[in-house]
Amino acid sequence: MTAIVDTPEEGEALDQPPLLVLRPLERFFDEQGLGEGKITAEPVGDGHSNVTYLVRRHGGVWVLRRPPRPPLPPSAHDVLREARLLRALATTTVRVPKVLATCDDERVIGAPFYVMERVEGTVINTTLPDGLTPTRAGDELIDALVEVHATDWQACGLEGFGKPTGYLARQVRRFTGLWEHNATRRIPALDEVTAWLGANLPESGPATIVHGDYRLGNVMFTGDRLSAIFDWELATIGDPLADVGYLLATWAQAGDPESTIASLTTVTRQPGFPTRDDLVARYEERSGRSMQALAWYTTLALWKSAIFLEGSYKRRLAGTTEDAFFDRLKEGVPEIAERARATALG
């Protein structure tokens, strides 16, 4: 499936729409003062939701983010909302790349997109870079998350970005509806967890920025410091413990069984990495928040992941994505749902 074409006419001849159209994109870059000459582009990162490209031309290298091919769930993959958040956070201590340009004109490449600076560093998946210890990696991951949750979201211009009350109930309602849109089959464990989450809602503390997809594979390290947090597509204003629950759901440790949701970052199974309990202890110490209801938040994270990934599996069945990871989701989504049920009832 061709993802990159030179002209709109080439794209119209394809069975599926392209993801990048280079000549109109070059004109957009010219208007923004981003380099000159012909553009080349290549996919970058291991993300399986929004599409990210490394874009090169004379004068620099940049990163472009756009949604995947349609059909898409309602309100999902809103890259311009993501860009708004990154621009707001540029005035804070939160570790984010700088947004350089946004485009809402779908005539350019076929979808909205934004362009950000390229951050030099390493995204950790299977091995640690030289100079970074497992303990340091875990500490930096937690400390950067505490910074996100400590940010004054109203002062940095995010009033109205999300509703500060009722976040957990809305998450359960929204993802229940999303399951109805995404489902390709019936998964009884998911139905059971849906009912359990609604019946056991914890009481949230003060609202903070919530990343929504905070895990080791969505951050970059430069030397021994976490230098950038990526993939803010699911960010909102809500309960910060949702991020902690998701981090635990995606954090594999020694002795864990194989897991679809933790399969993209396997390095944390190696000796020396903090356990999930270690991560919780550091977050509790640094943030001052109680971790009493953490099983509910971890269950929520697993349940949401199963629902979200079912949408990816649906796109794979429809032939609108070439991402081979989605082939695993035929068995992977039910496996995540069963893990959510075990966490809820465990």
Protein backbone atom coordinates (compact mmCIF):
# COMPACT_ATOMS: atom_id res chain seq x y z
CA MET A 1 0.00 0.00 0.00
CA THR A 2 1.53 3.31 -1.10
CA ALA A 3 1.73 5.77 1.79
CA ILE A 4 3.71 8.63 0.19
CA VAL A 5 3.06 10.18 -3.23
CA ASP A 6 4.34 13.28 -5.01
CA THR A 7 1.06 14.81 -6.22
CA PRO A 8 -2.68 14.71 -5.43
CA GLU A 9 -3.27 13.14 -8.85
CA GLU A 10 -1.07 10.19 -7.91
CA GLY A 11 -3.02 9.81 -4.68
CA GLU A 12 -6.36 9.76 -6.48
CA ALA A 13 -5.22 6.77 -8.52
CA LEU A 14 -4.70 4.63 -5.42
CA ASP A 15 -7.18 2.24 -3.80
CA GLN A 16 -6.49 3.82 -0.40
CA PRO A 17 -5.65 7.49 0.23
CA PRO A 18 -1.95 8.27 0.77
CA LEU A 19 -0.64 9.53 4.10
CA LEU A 20 1.68 12.20 2.67
CA VAL A 21 1.53 14.22 -0.57
CA LEU A 22 4.95 15.79 -1.02
CA ARG A 23 4.53 18.67 -3.49
CA PRO A 24 1.71 20.41 -1.57
CA LEU A 25 3.60 19.70 1.66
CA GLU A 26 6.67 21.45 0.25
CA ARG A 27 4.59 24.54 -0.49
CA PHE A 28 3.28 24.50 3.08
CA PHE A 29 6.82 24.24 4.45
CA ASP A 30 7.85 27.14 2.20
CA GLU A 31 5.04 29.27 3.65
CA GLN A 32 6.17 28.42 7.19
CA GLY A 33 9.84 29.14 6.49
CA LEU A 34 10.89 25.56 7.15
CA GLY A 35 13.83 24.85 4.85
CA GLU A 36 13.76 24.73 1.07
CA GLY A 37 13.77 22.28 -1.82
CA LYS A 38 12.39 18.77 -2.17
CA ILE A 39 11.08 16.88 0.86
CA THR A 40 11.81 13.26 1.70
CA ALA A 41 9.94 11.48 4.47
CA GLU A 42 10.09 8.21 6.36
CA PRO A 43 7.95 6.72 9.16
CA VAL A 44 9.43 7.10 12.63
CA GLY A 45 8.63 5.65 16.04
CA ASP A 46 6.70 2.56 17.12
CA GLY A 47 3.37 4.30 17.68
CA HIS A 48 0.28 2.46 16.45
CA SER A 49 -2.26 5.28 16.48
CA ASN A 50 -1.48 8.66 14.92
CA VAL A 51 1.09 8.51 12.13
CA THR A 52 4.50 10.13 12.60
CA TYR A 53 7.01 10.95 9.87
CA LEU A 54 10.56 12.24 9.90
CA VAL A 55 10.62 14.95 7.22
CA ARG A 56 13.90 16.13 5.63
CA ARG A 57 14.74 18.93 3.24
CA HIS A 58 17.58 21.39 2.82
CA GLY A 59 17.76 23.41 6.03
CA GLY A 60 16.59 20.90 8.59
CA VAL A 61 14.81 17.80 9.81
CA TRP A 62 11.36 17.90 11.40
CA VAL A 63 8.67 15.57 12.71
CA LEU A 64 5.13 15.55 11.23
CA ARG A 65 2.07 14.06 12.96
CA ARG A 66 -1.21 13.24 11.24
CA PRO A 67 -4.15 10.87 11.87
CA PRO A 68 -4.24 7.38 10.34
CA ARG A 69 -6.42 6.61 7.34
CA PRO A 70 -10.20 6.65 7.87
CA PRO A 71 -12.59 5.34 8.98
CA LEU A 72 -11.88 6.74 12.45
CA PRO A 73 -13.89 6.68 15.69
CA PRO A 74 -15.69 9.95 16.54
CA SER A 75 -13.40 12.54 18.23
CA ALA A 76 -10.35 10.27 18.03
CA HIS A 77 -6.96 11.13 16.49
CA ASP A 78 -7.38 14.90 16.88
CA VAL A 79 -3.83 16.02 16.12
CA LEU A 80 -4.62 19.73 16.24
CA ARG A 81 -5.91 19.36 19.79
CA GLU A 82 -2.66 17.59 20.60
CA ALA A 83 -0.71 20.50 19.07
CA ARG A 84 -2.67 22.98 21.17
CA LEU A 85 -1.64 21.14 24.32
CA LEU A 86 2.03 20.99 23.32
CA ARG A 87 2.06 24.73 22.65
CA ALA A 88 0.53 25.42 26.04
CA LEU A 89 3.06 23.19 27.77
CA ALA A 90 5.97 24.94 26.04
CA THR A 91 5.75 27.63 28.73
CA THR A 92 6.07 25.07 31.57
CA THR A 93 8.65 22.63 32.91
CA VAL A 94 6.93 19.68 31.21
CA ARG A 95 9.31 17.98 28.81
CA VAL A 96 7.72 18.35 25.38
CA PRO A 97 8.97 19.10 21.85
CA LYS A 98 8.24 22.50 20.33
CA VAL A 99 5.40 22.77 17.79
CA LEU A 100 6.50 24.80 14.75
CA ALA A 101 3.43 24.76 12.51
CA THR A 102 -0.14 23.42 12.31
CA CYS A 103 -2.38 22.86 9.28
CA ASP A 104 -6.15 22.36 9.26
CA ASP A 105 -6.42 22.42 5.44
CA GLU A 106 -6.98 18.81 4.41
CA ARG A 107 -6.19 19.71 0.79
CA VAL A 108 -2.46 19.72 1.64
CA ILE A 109 -1.91 16.04 2.55
CA GLY A 110 -5.48 14.77 2.98
CA ALA A 111 -5.76 15.32 6.74
CA PRO A 112 -4.93 17.90 9.45
CA PHE A 113 -1.35 17.72 10.73
CA TYR A 114 1.28 19.53 12.73
CA VAL A 115 5.05 19.87 12.52
CA MET A 116 7.33 19.84 15.55
CA GLU A 117 11.02 20.05 16.23
CA ARG A 118 13.08 16.89 16.13
CA VAL A 119 14.44 15.92 19.55
CA GLU A 120 17.69 13.95 19.47
CA GLY A 121 17.73 10.96 21.77
CA THR A 122 16.63 7.37 22.29
CA VAL A 123 13.21 5.81 22.73
CA ILE A 124 13.76 2.71 24.86
CA ASN A 125 12.24 -0.58 23.74
CA THR A 126 14.52 -3.60 24.05
CA THR A 127 17.85 -2.19 25.24
CA LEU A 128 19.15 0.68 27.35
CA PRO A 129 21.50 3.24 25.79
CA ASP A 130 24.98 3.62 27.21
CA GLY A 131 25.11 5.82 30.31
CA LEU A 132 21.52 5.17 31.42
CA THR A 133 20.92 2.75 34.30
CA PRO A 134 17.63 0.90 34.90
CA THR A 135 17.10 2.73 38.19
CA ARG A 136 17.72 6.12 36.61
CA ALA A 137 15.31 5.33 33.77
CA GLY A 138 12.53 4.44 36.22
CA ASP A 139 13.19 7.47 38.41
CA GLU A 140 13.16 9.87 35.46
CA LEU A 141 9.95 8.32 34.12
CA ILE A 142 8.14 8.91 37.42
CA ASP A 143 9.63 12.34 38.06
CA ALA A 144 8.59 13.58 34.60
CA LEU A 145 5.04 12.33 35.21
CA VAL A 146 4.93 14.11 38.58
CA GLU A 147 5.91 17.31 36.73
CA VAL A 148 3.00 16.85 34.31
CA HIS A 149 0.55 16.40 37.17
CA ALA A 150 1.97 19.37 39.10
CA THR A 151 1.52 21.80 36.18
CA ASP A 152 -1.01 24.60 36.63
CA TRP A 153 -3.16 23.79 33.59
CA GLN A 154 -5.30 26.90 33.96
CA ALA A 155 -2.30 29.23 34.14
CA CYS A 156 -0.78 27.82 30.95
CA GLY A 157 -3.93 28.37 28.88
CA LEU A 158 -5.70 25.01 29.04
CA GLU A 159 -8.97 26.25 30.49
CA GLY A 160 -11.66 24.37 28.58
CA PHE A 161 -9.28 21.67 27.34
CA GLY A 162 -11.14 19.15 29.48
CA LYS A 163 -13.77 19.09 32.22
CA PRO A 164 -12.10 19.00 35.64
CA THR A 165 -14.95 17.13 37.36
CA GLY A 166 -16.60 13.81 36.58
CA TYR A 167 -13.60 12.53 34.60
CA LEU A 168 -13.79 8.87 35.65
CA ALA A 169 -17.52 8.52 35.01
CA ARG A 170 -17.07 10.16 31.59
CA GLN A 171 -14.22 7.78 30.74
CA VAL A 172 -16.42 4.79 31.48
CA ARG A 173 -19.30 6.23 29.43
CA ARG A 174 -17.11 7.34 26.53
CA PHE A 175 -15.25 4.07 26.15
CA THR A 176 -18.42 2.03 26.55
CA GLY A 177 -19.72 3.94 23.52
CA LEU A 178 -16.41 3.55 21.73
CA TRP A 179 -16.62 -0.21 22.19
CA GLU A 180 -19.97 -0.19 20.41
CA HIS A 181 -18.26 1.60 17.50
CA ASN A 182 -15.06 -0.50 17.47
CA ALA A 183 -16.31 -3.99 18.28
CA THR A 184 -15.79 -6.73 15.70
CA ARG A 185 -16.90 -9.53 18.09
CA ARG A 186 -18.33 -10.10 21.55
CA ILE A 187 -15.87 -10.37 24.46
CA PRO A 188 -17.70 -11.34 27.68
CA ALA A 189 -14.77 -10.37 29.96
CA LEU A 190 -14.95 -6.82 28.64
CA ASP A 191 -18.68 -6.60 29.39
CA GLU A 192 -18.03 -7.81 32.93
CA VAL A 193 -15.29 -5.22 33.51
CA THR A 194 -17.51 -2.45 32.11
CA ALA A 195 -20.12 -3.20 34.76
CA TRP A 196 -17.49 -3.48 37.53
CA LEU A 197 -15.89 -0.13 36.69
CA GLY A 198 -19.24 1.66 36.79
CA ALA A 199 -20.17 0.09 40.11
CA ASN A 200 -16.86 0.86 41.84
CA LEU A 201 -15.95 4.42 40.82
CA PRO A 202 -13.39 5.93 43.24
CA GLU A 203 -13.53 9.54 44.32
CA SER A 204 -11.07 11.73 42.40
CA GLY A 205 -8.81 14.34 43.94
CA PRO A 206 -8.02 17.72 42.34
CA ALA A 207 -7.88 17.58 38.54
CA THR A 208 -4.58 17.77 36.65
CA ILE A 209 -3.34 17.35 33.11
CA VAL A 210 -3.64 13.67 32.20
CA HIS A 211 -1.39 12.35 29.42
CA GLY A 212 -3.57 9.33 28.68
CA ASP A 213 -0.87 7.11 27.14
CA TYR A 214 2.07 7.49 29.53
CA ARG A 215 4.54 4.63 29.16
CA LEU A 216 8.25 4.09 28.63
CA GLY A 217 7.83 3.75 24.85
CA ASN A 218 6.32 7.25 24.61
CA VAL A 219 9.26 9.14 26.07
CA MET A 220 12.78 9.91 24.85
CA PHE A 221 16.05 9.93 26.77
CA THR A 222 19.04 12.09 25.94
CA GLY A 223 21.97 10.81 27.96
CA ASP A 224 20.60 9.92 31.40
CA ARG A 225 17.76 12.44 31.31
CA LEU A 226 14.21 12.05 30.05
CA SER A 227 14.19 14.81 27.44
CA ALA A 228 10.74 14.59 25.80
CA ILE A 229 7.27 13.13 26.30
CA PHE A 230 5.43 12.25 23.07
CA ASP A 231 2.00 10.99 21.94
CA TRP A 232 -0.37 13.34 23.77
CA GLU A 233 -3.33 12.35 21.59
CA LEU A 234 -5.43 11.14 24.55
CA ALA A 235 -4.52 13.98 26.91
CA THR A 236 -7.18 15.86 28.86
CA ILE A 237 -7.88 17.38 32.26
CA GLY A 238 -8.84 14.76 34.79
CA ASP A 239 -7.68 12.33 37.46
CA PRO A 240 -3.86 11.95 37.51
CA LEU A 241 -4.02 8.41 38.87
CA ALA A 242 -5.35 7.32 35.47
CA ASP A 243 -1.80 7.87 34.17
CA VAL A 244 -0.30 5.86 37.02
CA GLY A 245 -2.71 3.00 36.37
CA TYR A 246 -1.84 3.00 32.68
CA LEU A 247 1.90 3.05 33.38
CA LEU A 248 1.49 0.01 35.62
CA ALA A 249 -0.65 -1.77 33.01
CA THR A 250 2.08 -1.37 30.39
CA TRP A 251 5.10 -2.01 32.65
CA ALA A 252 6.43 -5.57 32.34
CA GLN A 253 8.62 -6.94 35.12
CA ALA A 254 10.58 -10.15 35.60
CA GLY A 255 8.31 -13.18 35.91
CA ASP A 256 5.31 -11.65 34.13
CA PRO A 257 3.53 -13.76 31.50
CA GLU A 258 3.61 -12.55 27.91
CA SER A 259 1.35 -9.53 27.41
CA THR A 260 0.17 -7.75 24.27
CA ILE A 261 -0.02 -4.35 25.94
CA ALA A 262 3.51 -4.62 27.38
CA SER A 263 5.09 -6.30 24.36
CA LEU A 264 6.43 -3.11 22.76
CA THR A 265 8.82 -2.35 25.62
CA THR A 266 10.46 -5.52 26.91
CA VAL A 267 13.62 -4.04 28.44
CA THR A 268 11.93 -3.53 31.83
CA ARG A 269 11.95 -7.30 32.41
CA GLN A 270 15.74 -7.16 32.75
CA PRO A 271 17.57 -7.17 36.11
CA GLY A 272 17.85 -3.84 37.89
CA PHE A 273 14.64 -2.25 36.63
CA PRO A 274 12.19 -1.04 39.26
CA THR A 275 9.12 -3.15 39.86
CA ARG A 276 5.62 -1.78 39.59
CA ASP A 277 5.58 -1.45 43.38
CA ASP A 278 8.80 0.59 43.18
CA LEU A 279 7.22 2.95 40.63
CA VAL A 280 4.15 3.42 42.80
CA ALA A 281 6.26 4.13 45.89
CA ARG A 282 8.27 6.82 44.11
CA TYR A 283 5.17 8.45 42.63
CA GLU A 284 3.44 8.45 46.02
CA GLU A 285 6.51 9.99 47.67
CA ARG A 286 7.02 12.67 45.00
CA SER A 287 3.35 13.59 44.46
CA GLY A 288 1.89 13.11 47.94
CA ARG A 289 -1.17 11.34 46.51
CA SER A 290 -2.79 8.27 48.02
CA MET A 291 -2.52 5.05 45.99
CA GLN A 292 -5.32 3.16 47.74
CA ALA A 293 -7.63 2.70 44.73
CA LEU A 294 -4.86 1.93 42.23
CA ALA A 295 -6.31 -1.46 41.20
CA TRP A 296 -9.37 0.37 39.83
CA TYR A 297 -7.18 2.71 37.75
CA THR A 298 -5.09 -0.17 36.41
CA THR A 299 -8.27 -2.03 35.47
CA LEU A 300 -9.53 1.10 33.71
CA ALA A 301 -6.28 1.33 31.74
CA LEU A 302 -6.44 -2.28 30.59
CA TRP A 303 -10.13 -2.02 29.69
CA LYS A 304 -9.57 1.20 27.69
CA SER A 305 -6.59 -0.37 25.93
CA ALA A 306 -8.65 -3.37 24.86
CA ILE A 307 -11.36 -1.08 23.46
CA PHE A 308 -8.92 1.26 21.73
CA LEU A 309 -6.93 -1.61 20.21
CA GLU A 310 -10.10 -3.27 18.95
CA GLY A 311 -10.49 -0.15 16.80
CA SER A 312 -6.99 -0.75 15.44
CA TYR A 313 -7.87 -4.37 14.75
CA LYS A 314 -11.00 -3.21 12.93
CA ARG A 315 -8.88 -0.95 10.70
CA ARG A 316 -6.52 -3.87 10.01
CA LEU A 317 -9.45 -6.06 8.98
CA ALA A 318 -10.67 -3.25 6.71
CA GLY A 319 -7.24 -3.04 5.07
CA THR A 320 -6.69 0.64 5.91
CA THR A 321 -3.44 0.05 7.84
CA GLU A 322 -0.31 -1.98 7.13
CA ASP A 323 0.78 -2.14 10.78
CA ALA A 324 1.69 -5.79 11.37
CA PHE A 325 1.37 -5.35 15.14
CA PHE A 326 -2.39 -5.20 14.66
CA ASP A 327 -2.37 -8.84 13.47
CA ARG A 328 -1.70 -9.79 17.09
CA LEU A 329 -4.92 -8.20 18.22
CA LYS A 330 -7.21 -11.05 17.18
CA GLU A 331 -6.02 -12.83 20.32
CA GLY A 332 -4.46 -9.78 21.97
CA VAL A 333 -7.64 -7.81 22.69
CA PRO A 334 -9.39 -10.73 24.46
CA GLU A 335 -6.15 -11.35 26.40
CA ILE A 336 -6.08 -7.73 27.62
CA ALA A 337 -9.77 -7.97 28.55
CA GLU A 338 -9.09 -11.10 30.61
CA ARG A 339 -6.20 -9.34 32.36
CA ALA A 340 -8.52 -6.44 33.14
CA ARG A 341 -11.04 -8.83 34.66
CA ALA A 342 -8.33 -10.52 36.75
CA THR A 343 -7.08 -7.13 37.99
CA ALA A 344 -10.60 -6.03 38.91
CA LEU A 345 -11.49 -9.18 40.76
CA GLY A 346 -7.99 -10.09 41.97
